[in-house]
Amino acid sequence: MPDNVINQEALRYLIDKDLKPGFDYRDVWKAEHGNAFTVAKMTNADLLLDVQVMVADAIASGQTFAQFRDVLKPLLVKKGWWGIQEMVDPLTNETQPVQLGSTGRIKTIYKTNMRTARAAGQWERAQRTKRVMPYLIYELGPSENHRHQHEKWAGTCLPIDDPWWKTHMTPNGWGCKCGVRQVSRSEYEQLVKDGKIKTEAPNDGTKEWINKRTGEVETLPAGIDPGWNYNPGINREQELKDALATKEKALFDPTE
């Protein structure tokens, strides 16, 4: 599929998000990211909007990280969102030194938004074409060192609507470069015949994680980073269904 189609779907996912300023990355959690654009510690909505527009432009024009960094850094410096500064945590009312803009923060903004937007776009296409290409296969990315569980998941090939993809759709962790590839039924059958894939969802158990921001104890699939056990495309898909249902109700319900 042409890159411009991929970019258009990823772009639509990003620009449809509402702004949600937050102090801590845990203030916007899991599937909320499907509807909200946020950058931790960026509490100025105008600046957040500027960054969202720049990320959208990076997706639309295919910018490299270096190109994105060279555009965004001057803005952040100009707006005073750079380096270590004192900020008040609205949850605790405590003043503390926090890291605002840095090359590392810009890289996180770039890579996280690029990968989740592309994943959501890929999921949208997969749902649209699953009649002829009904499977997804988990593939490792270009990282030199892979997470142990991710190595075990490589080659797992399951129907697109298998529940496993609700929590394990890539990316599923900070810096995760894994991906999925959509395959046809005939390719799936050949891969099974050649013994090159695993056709059952892995069950690696779970782990408990305490969200120190909220005190909530969460149960996560082993191998998934906290906050990443969601599928951005499914969340987007549900949002579109809800919007369509609301529109239909307004059209056919005279009380609305």
Foldseek 3Di string as FASTA:
>chain_A
DDLQLLLVQLLVQLVQADEDEEQAPPVQFALSVSRYQYAHRPRDRVVSVVVSVLLSVCSNVVNDLVVSCVVVVVVCVVVVQAAWDWDQHPVVRDIDIDGGDDSVSSVQSNPVSVFQSSLLSVLVVCVVPCVFFFKKFKAAFDDPDDDPVSVVRHQEMEGSPDCLCFFVAPPQERPGGIHIDTGGPVVVVVCVVVVRHDHDDDQQDWDWDADPSVRDIDIHGPPGDGRRRGRSNVSNVVVVVVVVVVVVCVVPPVVD
